Amino acid sequence: MRRITFTARIGLVSIAMAGIALLAAPEAKSDSKTSVAEDPEGDAFIFFNFVEPQRAPDYLDLIRGEVTLQGGIFVFNLTVAEPVPDEPFVPQGRVLSWAFLIDTDPATFPTGFPVSPLGAIPYEFIVYVLWDGTEFDAILLDRRPGLVGEDAIFTPIPFDIDDNELSTSVSRRMMDNPRFFVWSGNTTAVPSFGENEAFFPVDRVPDDGGMTWPAE
């Protein structure tokens, strides 16, 4: 089973199609730099409010995360415990996400999506693969506009789902050429996407804290 796409159909706020063009632009070659984290199998649970946690499907159970830079392109790869189905089960009205949370500046805490407009979290960028019950999509979320009270920027990005591996590609320039960042991967189930609604965590890699890129 293999699915590859180079477009996305998300009709949300401020989609910057120019991001795709950046992926195709020539960039200076560089040695590859990789950061890897692993996570135990069988620790993925869905928490819905005060209902007893339910064991999550294995395609939401993260066992490995990897970030690699090569030739000016970041490749974000998540490995889950079993192949991702062509049509994963998702409760009506919800969206599944496989994501990388990326903190490029420890001194800033952008507000807004995916938390409340007044909520602040340390991630300047989030890389998503999404399943809404109909189609898969992938986006780069730039949260830095939240530092000045503006909406986050949603940019469609290439992605690939191959059995139990989900990969996305992002030009380094789309992330303002970071030399260092802290990252973690997660899976979530959300009531919707594009609104500031609660995310229900399922699994995380690594379980505690984050990993640095480049690896220390």
Protein backbone atom coordinates (compact mmCIF):
# COMPACT_ATOMS: atom_id res chain seq x y z
CA MET A 1 0.00 0.00 0.00
CA ARG A 2 1.43 3.37 -1.01
CA ARG A 3 -0.07 6.81 -1.42
CA ILE A 4 1.77 9.93 -2.53
CA THR A 5 0.44 13.42 -3.13
CA PHE A 6 2.01 16.78 -3.91
CA THR A 7 -1.05 18.92 -3.31
CA ALA A 8 -3.53 19.43 -0.52
CA ARG A 9 -7.15 20.50 -0.60
CA ILE A 10 -7.44 22.24 2.78
CA GLY A 11 -9.50 25.43 2.38
CA LEU A 12 -8.46 27.10 5.62
CA VAL A 13 -7.17 30.54 6.49
CA SER A 14 -4.14 31.97 4.66
CA ILE A 15 -3.04 29.01 2.54
CA ALA A 16 0.25 29.95 0.87
CA MET A 17 0.62 27.92 -2.30
CA ALA A 18 4.00 29.53 -2.87
CA GLY A 19 5.37 27.05 -0.36
CA ILE A 20 5.09 24.25 -2.89
CA ALA A 21 7.12 26.25 -5.39
CA LEU A 22 9.86 26.63 -2.79
CA LEU A 23 10.14 22.86 -2.56
CA ALA A 24 11.04 22.67 -6.22
CA ALA A 25 13.53 25.55 -6.12
CA PRO A 26 17.24 24.64 -6.28
CA GLU A 27 19.11 24.99 -3.02
CA ALA A 28 22.70 24.60 -1.98
CA LYS A 29 23.64 21.03 -1.17
CA SER A 30 24.60 20.15 2.39
CA ASP A 31 25.52 17.09 4.38
CA SER A 32 22.51 15.31 5.85
CA LYS A 33 21.76 15.92 9.53
CA THR A 34 19.42 13.58 11.38
CA SER A 35 17.70 13.46 14.77
CA VAL A 36 15.87 10.30 15.89
CA ALA A 37 13.61 9.38 18.82
CA GLU A 38 11.95 6.06 19.69
CA ASP A 39 8.86 5.26 21.74
CA PRO A 40 7.55 2.01 23.27
CA GLU A 41 4.80 0.19 21.42
CA GLY A 42 1.41 -0.17 23.11
CA ASP A 43 1.25 3.15 24.98
CA ALA A 44 -1.31 4.96 22.77
CA PHE A 45 -4.65 5.81 24.37
CA ILE A 46 -7.51 8.14 23.47
CA PHE A 47 -8.80 10.33 26.31
CA PHE A 48 -12.25 11.83 25.77
CA ASN A 49 -13.06 14.16 28.65
CA PHE A 50 -13.88 12.06 31.74
CA VAL A 51 -14.54 8.81 29.89
CA GLU A 52 -12.17 5.96 30.69
CA PRO A 53 -9.19 6.01 28.30
CA GLN A 54 -9.56 3.72 25.29
CA ARG A 55 -6.71 1.84 23.62
CA ALA A 56 -5.94 3.63 20.36
CA PRO A 57 -5.58 1.85 17.01
CA ASP A 58 -2.01 0.79 16.30
CA TYR A 59 -1.80 3.18 13.34
CA LEU A 60 -1.89 5.99 15.94
CA ASP A 61 0.70 4.29 18.16
CA LEU A 62 4.03 6.04 17.52
CA ILE A 63 7.19 3.96 17.76
CA ARG A 64 9.72 6.25 16.04
CA GLY A 65 10.21 9.83 14.87
CA GLU A 66 12.96 11.16 12.64
CA VAL A 67 13.93 14.56 11.27
CA THR A 68 16.50 14.74 8.48
CA LEU A 69 17.85 17.72 6.54
CA GLN A 70 19.42 16.98 3.19
CA GLY A 71 19.95 19.32 0.27
CA GLY A 72 17.94 22.10 1.89
CA ILE A 73 14.86 19.92 2.48
CA PHE A 74 13.61 18.75 5.87
CA VAL A 75 12.05 15.28 5.83
CA PHE A 76 9.82 14.54 8.82
CA ASN A 77 9.10 10.84 9.27
CA LEU A 78 6.84 9.08 11.79
CA THR A 79 6.67 5.30 12.18
CA VAL A 80 3.56 3.76 13.73
CA ALA A 81 2.91 0.25 15.05
CA GLU A 82 0.87 -0.99 12.06
CA PRO A 83 0.22 0.13 8.47
CA VAL A 84 -2.07 3.13 8.08
CA PRO A 85 -5.33 1.93 6.43
CA ASP A 86 -6.61 3.50 3.24
CA GLU A 87 -9.58 4.68 5.28
CA PRO A 88 -8.73 4.85 9.00
CA PHE A 89 -11.67 4.80 11.38
CA VAL A 90 -12.48 8.23 12.77
CA PRO A 91 -15.56 9.13 14.83
CA GLN A 92 -17.95 11.38 12.93
CA GLY A 93 -16.98 15.03 13.11
CA ARG A 94 -13.40 14.35 14.16
CA VAL A 95 -10.01 14.52 12.45
CA LEU A 96 -6.93 12.36 13.03
CA SER A 97 -3.50 13.93 12.90
CA TRP A 98 0.09 12.73 12.85
CA ALA A 99 2.27 15.74 13.63
CA PHE A 100 5.66 17.23 14.44
CA LEU A 101 5.76 20.08 16.97
CA ILE A 102 8.74 22.34 16.30
CA ASP A 103 10.21 24.97 18.62
CA THR A 104 12.74 27.09 16.72
CA ASP A 105 12.94 29.93 19.25
CA PRO A 106 12.83 29.11 22.99
CA ALA A 107 12.19 32.78 23.79
CA THR A 108 8.82 33.00 21.98
CA PHE A 109 5.40 31.49 22.68
CA PRO A 110 2.99 32.16 19.79
CA THR A 111 -0.72 32.30 20.59
CA GLY A 112 -3.69 30.94 18.68
CA PHE A 113 -4.40 27.78 16.73
CA PRO A 114 -4.27 24.97 17.66
CA VAL A 115 -4.93 26.36 21.15
CA SER A 116 -7.27 29.20 22.16
CA PRO A 117 -6.64 32.72 20.80
CA LEU A 118 -5.14 33.69 24.16
CA GLY A 119 -3.33 30.41 24.67
CA ALA A 120 0.44 30.34 24.18
CA ILE A 121 2.55 27.29 23.35
CA PRO A 122 6.24 27.22 22.40
CA TYR A 123 5.90 25.83 18.88
CA GLU A 124 6.58 28.18 15.98
CA PHE A 125 5.81 25.46 13.42
CA ILE A 126 3.70 22.30 13.31
CA VAL A 127 3.88 19.75 10.48
CA TYR A 128 0.64 17.79 10.04
CA VAL A 129 -0.62 14.77 8.15
CA LEU A 130 -4.43 14.78 8.50
CA TRP A 131 -7.29 12.36 7.87
CA ASP A 132 -10.82 13.79 8.05
CA GLY A 133 -12.69 10.60 7.19
CA THR A 134 -12.62 11.36 3.46
CA GLU A 135 -9.09 12.31 2.36
CA PHE A 136 -5.55 12.71 3.62
CA ASP A 137 -3.84 16.13 3.60
CA ALA A 138 -0.56 17.54 4.85
CA ILE A 139 0.28 21.08 5.89
CA LEU A 140 2.98 23.20 7.45
CA LEU A 141 1.45 25.45 10.10
CA ASP A 142 3.44 28.66 10.69
CA ARG A 143 2.30 29.99 14.08
CA ARG A 144 4.68 32.96 14.23
CA PRO A 145 1.99 35.48 13.14
CA GLY A 146 0.34 34.74 16.50
CA LEU A 147 3.14 36.75 18.11
CA VAL A 148 1.54 39.91 16.68
CA GLY A 149 -2.09 38.83 16.98
CA GLU A 150 -2.51 37.53 13.43
CA ASP A 151 -3.75 34.18 12.09
CA ALA A 152 -1.44 31.24 11.58
CA ILE A 153 -0.43 30.41 8.01
CA PHE A 154 -1.46 27.02 6.56
CA THR A 155 0.75 25.82 3.68
CA PRO A 156 0.08 22.56 1.77
CA ILE A 157 3.16 20.31 1.65
CA PRO A 158 4.09 17.01 -0.05
CA PHE A 159 3.52 13.84 1.93
CA ASP A 160 3.89 10.10 1.55
CA ILE A 161 2.22 7.27 3.47
CA ASP A 162 3.95 3.95 2.91
CA ASP A 163 2.59 1.12 5.09
CA ASN A 164 3.42 2.21 8.65
CA GLU A 165 5.55 5.26 7.76
CA LEU A 166 4.27 8.80 7.23
CA SER A 167 6.66 11.33 5.71
CA THR A 168 6.41 15.00 4.81
CA SER A 169 8.87 17.32 3.04
CA VAL A 170 9.42 20.97 3.90
CA SER A 171 11.90 23.39 2.39
CA ARG A 172 14.30 24.74 4.99
CA ARG A 173 13.51 28.23 3.73
CA MET A 174 9.82 27.75 4.57
CA MET A 175 10.92 27.52 8.20
CA ASP A 176 13.24 30.54 7.95
CA ASN A 177 16.42 28.43 7.73
CA PRO A 178 16.67 27.28 11.35
CA ARG A 179 20.09 26.16 12.58
CA PHE A 180 18.65 24.47 15.65
CA PHE A 181 15.24 23.45 17.02
CA VAL A 182 13.53 21.17 19.52
CA TRP A 183 10.91 18.76 18.19
CA SER A 184 8.51 16.04 19.24
CA GLY A 185 6.00 13.94 17.33
CA ASN A 186 2.42 13.23 18.31
CA THR A 187 -0.86 11.73 17.21
CA THR A 188 -4.17 13.34 18.12
CA ALA A 189 -7.92 13.12 17.58
CA VAL A 190 -9.63 16.49 17.26
CA PRO A 191 -13.26 17.60 16.94
CA SER A 192 -12.42 19.63 13.81
CA PHE A 193 -9.45 21.25 12.14
CA GLY A 194 -8.88 24.94 11.61
CA GLU A 195 -10.79 26.03 14.70
CA ASN A 196 -9.42 26.59 18.19
CA GLU A 197 -10.89 23.44 19.72
CA ALA A 198 -9.47 20.93 22.16
CA PHE A 199 -7.03 18.37 20.84
CA PHE A 200 -7.26 14.90 22.40
CA PRO A 201 -3.70 13.48 22.67
CA VAL A 202 -3.15 9.87 21.70
CA ASP A 203 0.62 9.27 21.70
CA ARG A 204 3.90 11.17 21.70
CA VAL A 205 7.49 10.51 20.67
CA PRO A 206 9.55 10.90 22.78
CA ASP A 207 7.27 10.53 25.80
CA ASP A 208 9.06 13.19 27.85
CA GLY A 209 10.40 16.52 26.64
CA GLY A 210 11.70 16.91 23.11
CA MET A 211 14.58 16.06 20.81
CA THR A 212 17.07 18.50 19.39
CA TRP A 213 17.88 18.91 15.73
CA PRO A 214 20.69 18.54 14.83
CA ALA A 215 21.15 15.70 17.29
CA GLU A 216 23.49 16.59 20.13
